[in-house]
PDB file of all heavy atoms in Angstrom:
ATOM      1  N   MET A   1       0.831  -1.197   0.000  1.00  0.00           N
ATOM      2  CA  MET A   1       0.000   0.000   0.000  1.00  0.00           C
ATOM      3  C   MET A   1       0.869   1.252   0.000  1.00  0.00           C
ATOM      4  O   MET A   1       0.615   2.192  -0.753  1.00  0.00           O
ATOM      5  CB  MET A   1      -0.930  -0.014   1.217  1.00  0.00           C
ATOM      6  CG  MET A   1      -1.939   1.094   1.204  1.00  0.00           C
ATOM      7  SD  MET A   1      -1.958   2.256   2.594  1.00  0.00           S
ATOM      8  CE  MET A   1      -0.723   1.781   3.695  1.00  0.00           C
ATOM      9  N   GLN A   2       1.925   1.250   0.790  1.00  0.00           N
ATOM     10  CA  GLN A   2       2.830   2.406   0.833  1.00  0.00           C
ATOM     11  C   GLN A   2       3.547   2.583  -0.512  1.00  0.00           C
ATOM     12  O   GLN A   2       3.725   3.708  -0.985  1.00  0.00           O
ATOM     13  CB  GLN A   2       3.850   2.263   1.965  1.00  0.00           C
ATOM     14  CG  GLN A   2       3.256   2.392   3.350  1.00  0.00           C
ATOM     15  CD  GLN A   2       2.792   3.803   3.689  1.00  0.00           C
ATOM     16  OE1 GLN A   2       2.847   4.727   2.884  1.00  0.00           O
ATOM     17  NE2 GLN A   2       2.297   3.965   4.913  1.00  0.00           N
ATOM     18  N   LEU A   3       3.963   1.477  -1.128  1.00  0.00           N
ATOM     19  CA  LEU A   3       4.611   1.559  -2.445  1.00  0.00           C
ATOM     20  C   LEU A   3       3.646   2.113  -3.493  1.00  0.00           C
ATOM     21  O   LEU A   3       4.021   2.936  -4.329  1.00  0.00           O
ATOM     22  CB  LEU A   3       5.132   0.184  -2.869  1.00  0.00           C
ATOM     23  CG  LEU A   3       6.309  -0.363  -2.057  1.00  0.00           C
ATOM     24  CD1 LEU A   3       6.602  -1.813  -2.451  1.00  0.00           C
ATOM     25  CD2 LEU A   3       7.539   0.507  -2.231  1.00  0.00           C
ATOM     26  N   ALA A   4       2.397   1.668  -3.428  1.00  0.00           N
ATOM     27  CA  ALA A   4       1.387   2.168  -4.364  1.00  0.00           C
ATOM     28  C   ALA A   4       1.131   3.657  -4.125  1.00  0.00           C
ATOM     29  O   ALA A   4       0.967   4.428  -5.074  1.00  0.00           O
ATOM     30  CB  ALA A   4       0.098   1.364  -4.229  1.00  0.00           C
ATOM     31  N   ARG A   5       1.128   4.043  -2.879  1.00  0.00           N
ATOM     32  CA  ARG A   5       0.945   5.461  -2.533  1.00  0.00           C
ATOM     33  C   ARG A   5       2.092   6.286  -3.111  1.00  0.00           C
ATOM     34  O   ARG A   5       1.872   7.352  -3.684  1.00  0.00           O
ATOM     35  CB  ARG A   5       0.880   5.609  -1.022  1.00  0.00           C
ATOM     36  CG  ARG A   5       0.746   7.044  -0.561  1.00  0.00           C
ATOM     37  CD  ARG A   5       0.767   7.122   0.951  1.00  0.00           C
ATOM     38  NE  ARG A   5       0.663   8.505   1.383  1.00  0.00           N
ATOM     39  CZ  ARG A   5       1.024   8.924   2.567  1.00  0.00           C
ATOM     40  NH1 ARG A   5       1.520   8.082   3.448  1.00  0.00           N
ATOM     41  NH2 ARG A   5       0.900  10.188   2.894  1.00  0.00           N
ATOM     42  N   MET A   6       3.320   5.789  -2.961  1.00  0.00           N
ATOM     43  CA  MET A   6       4.483   6.511  -3.503  1.00  0.00           C
ATOM     44  C   MET A   6       4.431   6.571  -5.032  1.00  0.00           C
ATOM     45  O   MET A   6       4.998   7.471  -5.639  1.00  0.00           O
ATOM     46  CB  MET A   6       5.785   5.859  -3.038  1.00  0.00           C
ATOM     47  CG  MET A   6       6.053   6.079  -1.554  1.00  0.00           C
ATOM     48  SD  MET A   6       7.670   5.537  -0.972  1.00  0.00           S
ATOM     49  CE  MET A   6       7.680   3.808  -1.357  1.00  0.00           C
ATOM     50  N   ALA A   7       3.734   5.599  -5.643  1.00  0.00           N
ATOM     51  CA  ALA A   7       3.586   5.591  -7.101  1.00  0.00           C
ATOM     52  C   ALA A   7       2.481   6.548  -7.559  1.00  0.00           C
ATOM     53  O   ALA A   7       2.232   6.670  -8.748  1.00  0.00           O
ATOM     54  CB  ALA A   7       3.296   4.176  -7.592  1.00  0.00           C
ATOM     55  N   GLY A   8       1.801   7.199  -6.598  1.00  0.00           N
ATOM     56  CA  GLY A   8       0.818   8.208  -6.951  1.00  0.00           C
ATOM     57  C   GLY A   8      -0.639   7.800  -6.816  1.00  0.00           C
ATOM     58  O   GLY A   8      -1.529   8.566  -7.174  1.00  0.00           O
ATOM     59  N   MET A   9      -0.903   6.597  -6.304  1.00  0.00           N
ATOM     60  CA  MET A   9      -2.301   6.172  -6.143  1.00  0.00           C
ATOM     61  C   MET A   9      -2.909   6.836  -4.908  1.00  0.00           C
ATOM     62  O   MET A   9      -2.194   7.155  -3.960  1.00  0.00           O
ATOM     63  CB  MET A   9      -2.374   4.653  -5.979  1.00  0.00           C
ATOM     64  CG  MET A   9      -2.002   3.887  -7.215  1.00  0.00           C
ATOM     65  SD  MET A   9      -2.228   2.112  -6.901  1.00  0.00           S
ATOM     66  CE  MET A   9      -1.696   1.451  -8.457  1.00  0.00           C
ATOM     67  N   ASP A  10      -4.255   7.002  -4.919  1.00  0.00           N
ATOM     68  CA  ASP A  10      -4.913   7.535  -3.731  1.00  0.00           C
ATOM     69  C   ASP A  10      -5.081   6.413  -2.702  1.00  0.00           C
ATOM     70  O   ASP A  10      -4.700   5.267  -2.943  1.00  0.00           O
ATOM     71  CB  ASP A  10      -6.257   8.194  -4.091  1.00  0.00           C
ATOM     72  CG  ASP A  10      -7.336   7.220  -4.557  1.00  0.00           C
ATOM     73  OD1 ASP A  10      -7.254   6.010  -4.267  1.00  0.00           O
ATOM     74  OD2 ASP A  10      -8.275   7.683  -5.232  1.00  0.00           O
ATOM     75  N   PHE A  11      -5.650   6.760  -1.553  1.00  0.00           N
ATOM     76  CA  PHE A  11      -5.726   5.788  -0.454  1.00  0.00           C
ATOM     77  C   PHE A  11      -6.500   4.535  -0.842  1.00  0.00           C
ATOM     78  O   PHE A  11      -6.034   3.421  -0.617  1.00  0.00           O
ATOM     79  CB  PHE A  11      -6.367   6.428   0.788  1.00  0.00           C
ATOM     80  CG  PHE A  11      -6.492   5.458   1.933  1.00  0.00           C
ATOM     81  CD1 PHE A  11      -5.394   5.115   2.701  1.00  0.00           C
ATOM     82  CD2 PHE A  11      -7.707   4.865   2.222  1.00  0.00           C
ATOM     83  CE1 PHE A  11      -5.500   4.214   3.742  1.00  0.00           C
ATOM     84  CE2 PHE A  11      -7.828   3.957   3.261  1.00  0.00           C
ATOM     85  CZ  PHE A  11      -6.719   3.634   4.025  1.00  0.00           C
ATOM     86  N   SER A  12      -7.690   4.681  -1.406  1.00  0.00           N
ATOM     87  CA  SER A  12      -8.514   3.509  -1.728  1.00  0.00           C
ATOM     88  C   SER A  12      -7.843   2.615  -2.762  1.00  0.00           C
ATOM     89  O   SER A  12      -7.859   1.385  -2.635  1.00  0.00           O
ATOM     90  CB  SER A  12      -9.894   3.941  -2.218  1.00  0.00           C
ATOM     91  OG  SER A  12     -10.603   4.574  -1.175  1.00  0.00           O
ATOM     92  N   GLN A  13      -7.253   3.212  -3.783  1.00  0.00           N
ATOM     93  CA  GLN A  13      -6.533   2.419  -4.794  1.00  0.00           C
ATOM     94  C   GLN A  13      -5.347   1.691  -4.167  1.00  0.00           C
ATOM     95  O   GLN A  13      -5.132   0.513  -4.430  1.00  0.00           O
ATOM     96  CB  GLN A  13      -6.034   3.322  -5.927  1.00  0.00           C
ATOM     97  CG  GLN A  13      -7.123   3.920  -6.767  1.00  0.00           C
ATOM     98  CD  GLN A  13      -6.588   5.006  -7.691  1.00  0.00           C
ATOM     99  OE1 GLN A  13      -5.611   5.688  -7.390  1.00  0.00           O
ATOM    100  NE2 GLN A  13      -7.242   5.171  -8.835  1.00  0.00           N
ATOM    101  N   SER A  14      -4.596   2.400  -3.338  1.00  0.00           N
ATOM    102  CA  SER A  14      -3.437   1.802  -2.678  1.00  0.00           C
ATOM    103  C   SER A  14      -3.852   0.650  -1.770  1.00  0.00           C
ATOM    104  O   SER A  14      -3.215  -0.400  -1.740  1.00  0.00           O
ATOM    105  CB  SER A  14      -2.689   2.854  -1.849  1.00  0.00           C
ATOM    106  OG  SER A  14      -2.217   3.888  -2.657  1.00  0.00           O
ATOM    107  N   GLN A  15      -4.935   0.854  -1.047  1.00  0.00           N
ATOM    108  CA  GLN A  15      -5.441  -0.184  -0.152  1.00  0.00           C
ATOM    109  C   GLN A  15      -5.891  -1.405  -0.943  1.00  0.00           C
ATOM    110  O   GLN A  15      -5.634  -2.541  -0.554  1.00  0.00           O
ATOM    111  CB  GLN A  15      -6.592   0.373   0.697  1.00  0.00           C
ATOM    112  CG  GLN A  15      -7.155  -0.587   1.700  1.00  0.00           C
ATOM    113  CD  GLN A  15      -6.186  -0.970   2.801  1.00  0.00           C
ATOM    114  OE1 GLN A  15      -5.137  -0.361   2.979  1.00  0.00           O
ATOM    115  NE2 GLN A  15      -6.516  -1.999   3.536  1.00  0.00           N
ATOM    116  N   LEU A  16      -6.534  -1.191  -2.076  1.00  0.00           N
ATOM    117  CA  LEU A  16      -6.994  -2.297  -2.919  1.00  0.00           C
ATOM    118  C   LEU A  16      -5.817  -3.103  -3.456  1.00  0.00           C
ATOM    119  O   LEU A  16      -5.832  -4.342  -3.405  1.00  0.00           O
ATOM    120  CB  LEU A  16      -7.855  -1.767  -4.064  1.00  0.00           C
ATOM    121  CG  LEU A  16      -8.509  -2.819  -4.947  1.00  0.00           C
ATOM    122  CD1 LEU A  16      -9.464  -3.688  -4.137  1.00  0.00           C
ATOM    123  CD2 LEU A  16      -9.250  -2.151  -6.088  1.00  0.00           C
ATOM    124  N   VAL A  17      -4.785  -2.432  -3.937  1.00  0.00           N
ATOM    125  CA  VAL A  17      -3.602  -3.132  -4.459  1.00  0.00           C
ATOM    126  C   VAL A  17      -2.915  -3.905  -3.329  1.00  0.00           C
ATOM    127  O   VAL A  17      -2.549  -5.078  -3.492  1.00  0.00           O
ATOM    128  CB  VAL A  17      -2.622  -2.139  -5.134  1.00  0.00           C
ATOM    129  CG1 VAL A  17      -1.292  -2.801  -5.449  1.00  0.00           C
ATOM    130  CG2 VAL A  17      -3.247  -1.569  -6.393  1.00  0.00           C
ATOM    131  N   GLY A  18      -2.734  -3.264  -2.183  1.00  0.00           N
ATOM    132  CA  GLY A  18      -2.104  -3.935  -1.045  1.00  0.00           C
ATOM    133  C   GLY A  18      -2.889  -5.153  -0.595  1.00  0.00           C
ATOM    134  O   GLY A  18      -2.323  -6.209  -0.290  1.00  0.00           O
ATOM    135  N   THR A  19      -4.201  -5.028  -0.590  1.00  0.00           N
ATOM    136  CA  THR A  19      -5.056  -6.140  -0.181  1.00  0.00           C
ATOM    137  C   THR A  19      -4.969  -7.300  -1.172  1.00  0.00           C
ATOM    138  O   THR A  19      -4.899  -8.465  -0.767  1.00  0.00           O
ATOM    139  CB  THR A  19      -6.510  -5.654  -0.031  1.00  0.00           C
ATOM    140  OG1 THR A  19      -6.543  -4.619   0.958  1.00  0.00           O
ATOM    141  CG2 THR A  19      -7.432  -6.782   0.395  1.00  0.00           C
ATOM    142  N   ALA A  20      -4.952  -7.001  -2.454  1.00  0.00           N
ATOM    143  CA  ALA A  20      -4.863  -8.055  -3.476  1.00  0.00           C
ATOM    144  C   ALA A  20      -3.552  -8.839  -3.348  1.00  0.00           C
ATOM    145  O   ALA A  20      -3.547 -10.079  -3.397  1.00  0.00           O
ATOM    146  CB  ALA A  20      -4.985  -7.450  -4.871  1.00  0.00           C
ATOM    147  N   VAL A  21      -2.451  -8.147  -3.150  1.00  0.00           N
ATOM    148  CA  VAL A  21      -1.166  -8.828  -2.999  1.00  0.00           C
ATOM    149  C   VAL A  21      -1.154  -9.636  -1.696  1.00  0.00           C
ATOM    150  O   VAL A  21      -0.633 -10.752  -1.645  1.00  0.00           O
ATOM    151  CB  VAL A  21       0.007  -7.820  -3.063  1.00  0.00           C
ATOM    152  CG1 VAL A  21       1.334  -8.500  -2.752  1.00  0.00           C
ATOM    153  CG2 VAL A  21       0.062  -7.159  -4.434  1.00  0.00           C
ATOM    154  N   ALA A  22      -1.756  -9.099  -0.644  1.00  0.00           N
ATOM    155  CA  ALA A  22      -1.833  -9.820   0.628  1.00  0.00           C
ATOM    156  C   ALA A  22      -2.672 -11.093   0.492  1.00  0.00           C
ATOM    157  O   ALA A  22      -2.330 -12.130   1.074  1.00  0.00           O
ATOM    158  CB  ALA A  22      -2.404  -8.913   1.717  1.00  0.00           C
ATOM    159  N   ILE A  23      -3.752 -11.045  -0.272  1.00  0.00           N
ATOM    160  CA  ILE A  23      -4.590 -12.237  -0.487  1.00  0.00           C
ATOM    161  C   ILE A  23      -3.775 -13.339  -1.159  1.00  0.00           C
ATOM    162  O   ILE A  23      -3.807 -14.497  -0.733  1.00  0.00           O
ATOM    163  CB  ILE A  23      -5.848 -11.888  -1.308  1.00  0.00           C
ATOM    164  CG1 ILE A  23      -6.839 -11.099  -0.456  1.00  0.00           C
ATOM    165  CG2 ILE A  23      -6.522 -13.153  -1.854  1.00  0.00           C
ATOM    166  CD1 ILE A  23      -8.012 -10.517  -1.234  1.00  0.00           C
ATOM    167  N   LEU A  24      -3.038 -12.996  -2.195  1.00  0.00           N
ATOM    168  CA  LEU A  24      -2.204 -13.986  -2.877  1.00  0.00           C
ATOM    169  C   LEU A  24      -1.144 -14.547  -1.934  1.00  0.00           C
ATOM    170  O   LEU A  24      -0.958 -15.768  -1.847  1.00  0.00           O
ATOM    171  CB  LEU A  24      -1.535 -13.366  -4.110  1.00  0.00           C
ATOM    172  CG  LEU A  24      -0.528 -14.267  -4.840  1.00  0.00           C
ATOM    173  CD1 LEU A  24      -1.206 -15.523  -5.385  1.00  0.00           C
ATOM    174  CD2 LEU A  24       0.164 -13.492  -5.949  1.00  0.00           C
ATOM    175  N   THR A  25      -0.478 -13.681  -1.204  1.00  0.00           N
ATOM    176  CA  THR A  25       0.556 -14.109  -0.253  1.00  0.00           C
ATOM    177  C   THR A  25      -0.031 -15.033   0.806  1.00  0.00           C
ATOM    178  O   THR A  25       0.526 -16.092   1.108  1.00  0.00           O
ATOM    179  CB  THR A  25       1.209 -12.885   0.410  1.00  0.00           C
ATOM    180  OG1 THR A  25       1.763 -12.046  -0.604  1.00  0.00           O
ATOM    181  CG2 THR A  25       2.285 -13.293   1.389  1.00  0.00           C
ATOM    182  N   ASN A  26      -1.180 -14.649   1.366  1.00  0.00           N
ATOM    183  CA  ASN A  26      -1.802 -15.468   2.410  1.00  0.00           C
ATOM    184  C   ASN A  26      -2.231 -16.832   1.879  1.00  0.00           C
ATOM    185  O   ASN A  26      -2.068 -17.843   2.569  1.00  0.00           O
ATOM    186  CB  ASN A  26      -2.992 -14.745   3.024  1.00  0.00           C
ATOM    187  CG  ASN A  26      -2.568 -13.671   3.996  1.00  0.00           C
ATOM    188  OD1 ASN A  26      -1.383 -13.421   4.196  1.00  0.00           O
ATOM    189  ND2 ASN A  26      -3.529 -13.015   4.591  1.00  0.00           N
ATOM    190  N   PHE A  27      -2.773 -16.877   0.675  1.00  0.00           N
ATOM    191  CA  PHE A  27      -3.167 -18.167   0.114  1.00  0.00           C
ATOM    192  C   PHE A  27      -1.954 -19.089  -0.017  1.00  0.00           C
ATOM    193  O   PHE A  27      -1.995 -20.244   0.409  1.00  0.00           O
ATOM    194  CB  PHE A  27      -3.843 -18.015  -1.248  1.00  0.00           C
ATOM    195  CG  PHE A  27      -4.133 -19.344  -1.883  1.00  0.00           C
ATOM    196  CD1 PHE A  27      -5.216 -20.101  -1.473  1.00  0.00           C
ATOM    197  CD2 PHE A  27      -3.286 -19.876  -2.847  1.00  0.00           C
ATOM    198  CE1 PHE A  27      -5.472 -21.356  -2.018  1.00  0.00           C
ATOM    199  CE2 PHE A  27      -3.529 -21.119  -3.402  1.00  0.00           C
ATOM    200  CZ  PHE A  27      -4.622 -21.866  -2.989  1.00  0.00           C
ATOM    201  N   LEU A  28      -0.887 -18.581  -0.603  1.00  0.00           N
ATOM    202  CA  LEU A  28       0.305 -19.409  -0.815  1.00  0.00           C
ATOM    203  C   LEU A  28       0.906 -19.882   0.506  1.00  0.00           C
ATOM    204  O   LEU A  28       1.278 -21.055   0.649  1.00  0.00           O
ATOM    205  CB  LEU A  28       1.341 -18.645  -1.645  1.00  0.00           C
ATOM    206  CG  LEU A  28       0.910 -18.331  -3.078  1.00  0.00           C
ATOM    207  CD1 LEU A  28       1.924 -17.408  -3.751  1.00  0.00           C
ATOM    208  CD2 LEU A  28       0.693 -19.596  -3.894  1.00  0.00           C
ATOM    209  N   LEU A  29       0.986 -18.987   1.495  1.00  0.00           N
ATOM    210  CA  LEU A  29       1.545 -19.372   2.797  1.00  0.00           C
ATOM    211  C   LEU A  29       0.625 -20.340   3.539  1.00  0.00           C
ATOM    212  O   LEU A  29       1.102 -21.302   4.152  1.00  0.00           O
ATOM    213  CB  LEU A  29       1.820 -18.131   3.649  1.00  0.00           C
ATOM    214  CG  LEU A  29       2.998 -17.275   3.200  1.00  0.00           C
ATOM    215  CD1 LEU A  29       3.079 -16.004   4.040  1.00  0.00           C
ATOM    216  CD2 LEU A  29       4.304 -18.049   3.265  1.00  0.00           C
ATOM    217  N   ASN A  30      -0.670 -20.091   3.493  1.00  0.00           N
ATOM    218  CA  ASN A  30      -1.597 -21.012   4.165  1.00  0.00           C
ATOM    219  C   ASN A  30      -1.573 -22.386   3.512  1.00  0.00           C
ATOM    220  O   ASN A  30      -1.620 -23.406   4.203  1.00  0.00           O
ATOM    221  CB  ASN A  30      -3.018 -20.454   4.183  1.00  0.00           C
ATOM    222  CG  ASN A  30      -3.225 -19.479   5.300  1.00  0.00           C
ATOM    223  OD1 ASN A  30      -2.837 -19.722   6.436  1.00  0.00           O
ATOM    224  ND2 ASN A  30      -3.828 -18.347   4.993  1.00  0.00           N
ATOM    225  N   ASN A  31      -1.489 -22.423   2.200  1.00  0.00           N
ATOM    226  CA  ASN A  31      -1.436 -23.700   1.499  1.00  0.00           C
ATOM    227  C   ASN A  31      -0.169 -24.472   1.876  1.00  0.00           C
ATOM    228  O   ASN A  31      -0.192 -25.686   2.012  1.00  0.00           O
ATOM    229  CB  ASN A  31      -1.507 -23.488  -0.012  1.00  0.00           C
ATOM    230  CG  ASN A  31      -1.823 -24.757  -0.758  1.00  0.00           C
ATOM    231  OD1 ASN A  31      -2.754 -25.492  -0.414  1.00  0.00           O
ATOM    232  ND2 ASN A  31      -1.044 -25.046  -1.777  1.00  0.00           N
ATOM    233  N   ARG A  32       0.921 -23.763   2.059  1.00  0.00           N
ATOM    234  CA  ARG A  32       2.215 -24.398   2.369  1.00  0.00           C
ATOM    235  C   ARG A  32       2.379 -24.694   3.856  1.00  0.00           C
ATOM    236  O   ARG A  32       2.930 -25.722   4.228  1.00  0.00           O
ATOM    237  CB  ARG A  32       3.355 -23.487   1.890  1.00  0.00           C
ATOM    238  CG  ARG A  32       4.739 -23.895   2.314  1.00  0.00           C
ATOM    239  CD  ARG A  32       5.237 -25.104   1.527  1.00  0.00           C
ATOM    240  NE  ARG A  32       6.606 -25.402   1.853  1.00  0.00           N
ATOM    241  CZ  ARG A  32       6.984 -26.329   2.716  1.00  0.00           C
ATOM    242  NH1 ARG A  32       6.084 -27.062   3.338  1.00  0.00           N
ATOM    243  NH2 ARG A  32       8.254 -26.546   2.967  1.00  0.00           N
ATOM    244  N   LEU A  33       1.879 -23.788   4.725  1.00  0.00           N
ATOM    245  CA  LEU A  33       2.163 -23.907   6.157  1.00  0.00           C
ATOM    246  C   LEU A  33       0.949 -24.324   6.988  1.00  0.00           C
ATOM    247  O   LEU A  33       0.964 -25.374   7.623  1.00  0.00           O
ATOM    248  CB  LEU A  33       2.720 -22.579   6.687  1.00  0.00           C
ATOM    249  CG  LEU A  33       3.965 -22.047   5.986  1.00  0.00           C
ATOM    250  CD1 LEU A  33       4.306 -20.655   6.479  1.00  0.00           C
ATOM    251  CD2 LEU A  33       5.131 -22.995   6.194  1.00  0.00           C
ATOM    252  N   THR A  34      -0.088 -23.513   6.990  1.00  0.00           N
ATOM    253  CA  THR A  34      -1.242 -23.756   7.857  1.00  0.00           C
ATOM    254  C   THR A  34      -1.957 -25.061   7.518  1.00  0.00           C
ATOM    255  O   THR A  34      -2.335 -25.823   8.400  1.00  0.00           O
ATOM    256  CB  THR A  34      -2.234 -22.582   7.759  1.00  0.00           C
ATOM    257  OG1 THR A  34      -1.527 -21.360   7.992  1.00  0.00           O
ATOM    258  CG2 THR A  34      -3.361 -22.736   8.749  1.00  0.00           C
ATOM    259  N   TYR A  35      -2.143 -25.304   6.229  1.00  0.00           N
ATOM    260  CA  TYR A  35      -2.855 -26.494   5.778  1.00  0.00           C
ATOM    261  C   TYR A  35      -1.903 -27.446   5.058  1.00  0.00           C
ATOM    262  O   TYR A  35      -2.271 -28.058   4.063  1.00  0.00           O
ATOM    263  CB  TYR A  35      -4.018 -26.090   4.859  1.00  0.00           C
ATOM    264  CG  TYR A  35      -5.041 -25.219   5.568  1.00  0.00           C
ATOM    265  CD1 TYR A  35      -5.013 -23.835   5.423  1.00  0.00           C
ATOM    266  CD2 TYR A  35      -6.010 -25.778   6.388  1.00  0.00           C
ATOM    267  CE1 TYR A  35      -5.943 -23.031   6.081  1.00  0.00           C
ATOM    268  CE2 TYR A  35      -6.931 -24.987   7.047  1.00  0.00           C
ATOM    269  CZ  TYR A  35      -6.888 -23.612   6.888  1.00  0.00           C
ATOM    270  OH  TYR A  35      -7.805 -22.825   7.538  1.00  0.00           O
ATOM    271  N   HIS A  36      -0.696 -27.583   5.569  1.00  0.00           N
ATOM    272  CA  HIS A  36       0.312 -28.434   4.917  1.00  0.00           C
ATOM    273  C   HIS A  36      -0.160 -29.871   4.774  1.00  0.00           C
ATOM    274  O   HIS A  36       0.208 -30.554   3.827  1.00  0.00           O
ATOM    275  CB  HIS A  36       1.647 -28.377   5.679  1.00  0.00           C
ATOM    276  CG  HIS A  36       1.554 -28.899   7.070  1.00  0.00           C
ATOM    277  ND1 HIS A  36       1.784 -30.201   7.378  1.00  0.00           N
ATOM    278  CD2 HIS A  36       1.224 -28.285   8.224  1.00  0.00           C
ATOM    279  CE1 HIS A  36       1.604 -30.388   8.681  1.00  0.00           C
ATOM    280  NE2 HIS A  36       1.271 -29.225   9.212  1.00  0.00           N
ATOM    281  N   ASP A  37      -1.009 -30.325   5.687  1.00  0.00           N
ATOM    282  CA  ASP A  37      -1.525 -31.691   5.625  1.00  0.00           C
ATOM    283  C   ASP A  37      -2.689 -31.824   4.638  1.00  0.00           C
ATOM    284  O   ASP A  37      -3.123 -32.933   4.334  1.00  0.00           O
ATOM    285  CB  ASP A  37      -1.960 -32.161   7.016  1.00  0.00           C
ATOM    286  CG  ASP A  37      -3.014 -31.272   7.641  1.00  0.00           C
ATOM    287  OD1 ASP A  37      -2.977 -30.042   7.398  1.00  0.00           O
ATOM    288  OD2 ASP A  37      -3.864 -31.788   8.382  1.00  0.00           O
ATOM    289  N   ARG A  38      -3.179 -30.702   4.154  1.00  0.00           N
ATOM    290  CA  ARG A  38      -4.293 -30.693   3.191  1.00  0.00           C
ATOM    291  C   ARG A  38      -3.904 -29.885   1.947  1.00  0.00           C
ATOM    292  O   ARG A  38      -4.766 -29.348   1.268  1.00  0.00           O
ATOM    293  CB  ARG A  38      -5.521 -30.027   3.812  1.00  0.00           C
ATOM    294  CG  ARG A  38      -5.993 -30.662   5.089  1.00  0.00           C
ATOM    295  CD  ARG A  38      -7.115 -29.847   5.671  1.00  0.00           C
ATOM    296  NE  ARG A  38      -7.454 -30.326   7.007  1.00  0.00           N
ATOM    297  CZ  ARG A  38      -8.350 -29.776   7.784  1.00  0.00           C
ATOM    298  NH1 ARG A  38      -9.016 -28.725   7.367  1.00  0.00           N
ATOM    299  NH2 ARG A  38      -8.605 -30.263   8.971  1.00  0.00           N
ATOM    300  N   ARG A  39      -2.626 -29.767   1.694  1.00  0.00           N
ATOM    301  CA  ARG A  39      -2.106 -28.904   0.636  1.00  0.00           C
ATOM    302  C   ARG A  39      -2.777 -29.165  -0.696  1.00  0.00           C
ATOM    303  O   ARG A  39      -2.946 -30.299  -1.118  1.00  0.00           O
ATOM    304  CB  ARG A  39      -0.592 -29.109   0.501  1.00  0.00           C
ATOM    305  CG  ARG A  39       0.045 -28.101  -0.424  1.00  0.00           C
ATOM    306  CD  ARG A  39       1.544 -28.219  -0.464  1.00  0.00           C
ATOM    307  NE  ARG A  39       2.073 -28.084   0.880  1.00  0.00           N
ATOM    308  CZ  ARG A  39       3.191 -28.660   1.283  1.00  0.00           C
ATOM    309  NH1 ARG A  39       3.904 -29.385   0.460  1.00  0.00           N
ATOM    310  NH2 ARG A  39       3.615 -28.500   2.508  1.00  0.00           N
ATOM    311  N   LEU A  40      -3.170 -28.085  -1.347  1.00  0.00           N
ATOM    312  CA  LEU A  40      -3.772 -28.161  -2.675  1.00  0.00           C
ATOM    313  C   LEU A  40      -2.658 -28.101  -3.711  1.00  0.00           C
ATOM    314  O   LEU A  40      -1.731 -27.308  -3.588  1.00  0.00           O
ATOM    315  CB  LEU A  40      -4.742 -26.995  -2.881  1.00  0.00           C
ATOM    316  CG  LEU A  40      -5.872 -26.861  -1.861  1.00  0.00           C
ATOM    317  CD1 LEU A  40      -6.664 -25.590  -2.109  1.00  0.00           C
ATOM    318  CD2 LEU A  40      -6.774 -28.080  -1.890  1.00  0.00           C
ATOM    319  N   LYS A  41      -2.789 -28.933  -4.742  1.00  0.00           N
ATOM    320  CA  LYS A  41      -1.778 -28.976  -5.803  1.00  0.00           C
ATOM    321  C   LYS A  41      -2.478 -28.994  -7.157  1.00  0.00           C
ATOM    322  O   LYS A  41      -3.620 -29.400  -7.269  1.00  0.00           O
ATOM    323  CB  LYS A  41      -0.904 -30.225  -5.661  1.00  0.00           C
ATOM    324  CG  LYS A  41      -0.102 -30.270  -4.384  1.00  0.00           C
ATOM    325  CD  LYS A  41       0.681 -31.562  -4.269  1.00  0.00           C
ATOM    326  CE  LYS A  41       1.399 -31.596  -2.928  1.00  0.00           C
ATOM    327  NZ  LYS A  41       2.069 -32.853  -2.697  1.00  0.00           N
ATOM    328  N   GLY A  42      -1.731 -28.556  -8.166  1.00  0.00           N
ATOM    329  CA  GLY A  42      -2.236 -28.613  -9.535  1.00  0.00           C
ATOM    330  C   GLY A  42      -3.504 -27.809  -9.719  1.00  0.00           C
ATOM    331  O   GLY A  42      -3.643 -26.694  -9.226  1.00  0.00           O
ATOM    332  N   ALA A  43      -4.454 -28.414 -10.440  1.00  0.00           N
ATOM    333  CA  ALA A  43      -5.720 -27.737 -10.742  1.00  0.00           C
ATOM    334  C   ALA A  43      -6.501 -27.413  -9.470  1.00  0.00           C
ATOM    335  O   ALA A  43      -7.163 -26.370  -9.390  1.00  0.00           O
ATOM    336  CB  ALA A  43      -6.564 -28.598 -11.680  1.00  0.00           C
ATOM    337  N   ARG A  44      -6.413 -28.283  -8.457  1.00  0.00           N
ATOM    338  CA  ARG A  44      -7.110 -28.025  -7.184  1.00  0.00           C
ATOM    339  C   ARG A  44      -6.575 -26.761  -6.516  1.00  0.00           C
ATOM    340  O   ARG A  44      -7.318 -26.028  -5.872  1.00  0.00           O
ATOM    341  CB  ARG A  44      -6.978 -29.215  -6.234  1.00  0.00           C
ATOM    342  CG  ARG A  44      -7.829 -30.404  -6.664  1.00  0.00           C
ATOM    343  CD  ARG A  44      -7.807 -31.531  -5.635  1.00  0.00           C
ATOM    344  NE  ARG A  44      -8.416 -31.081  -4.401  1.00  0.00           N
ATOM    345  CZ  ARG A  44      -7.898 -31.299  -3.181  1.00  0.00           C
ATOM    346  NH1 ARG A  44      -6.781 -31.958  -3.031  1.00  0.00           N
ATOM    347  NH2 ARG A  44      -8.510 -30.852  -2.109  1.00  0.00           N
TER     348      ARG A  44
END
């Protein structure tokens, strides 16, 4: 969000970009760590 702000985006745009990247990061980490015993692979 701070990087997006420095790139000239307003608060709502910056928050949206930061949230989207956080969603992707959280999915990948949860798939690898939190749900390691139920890890999704491939098409799943």
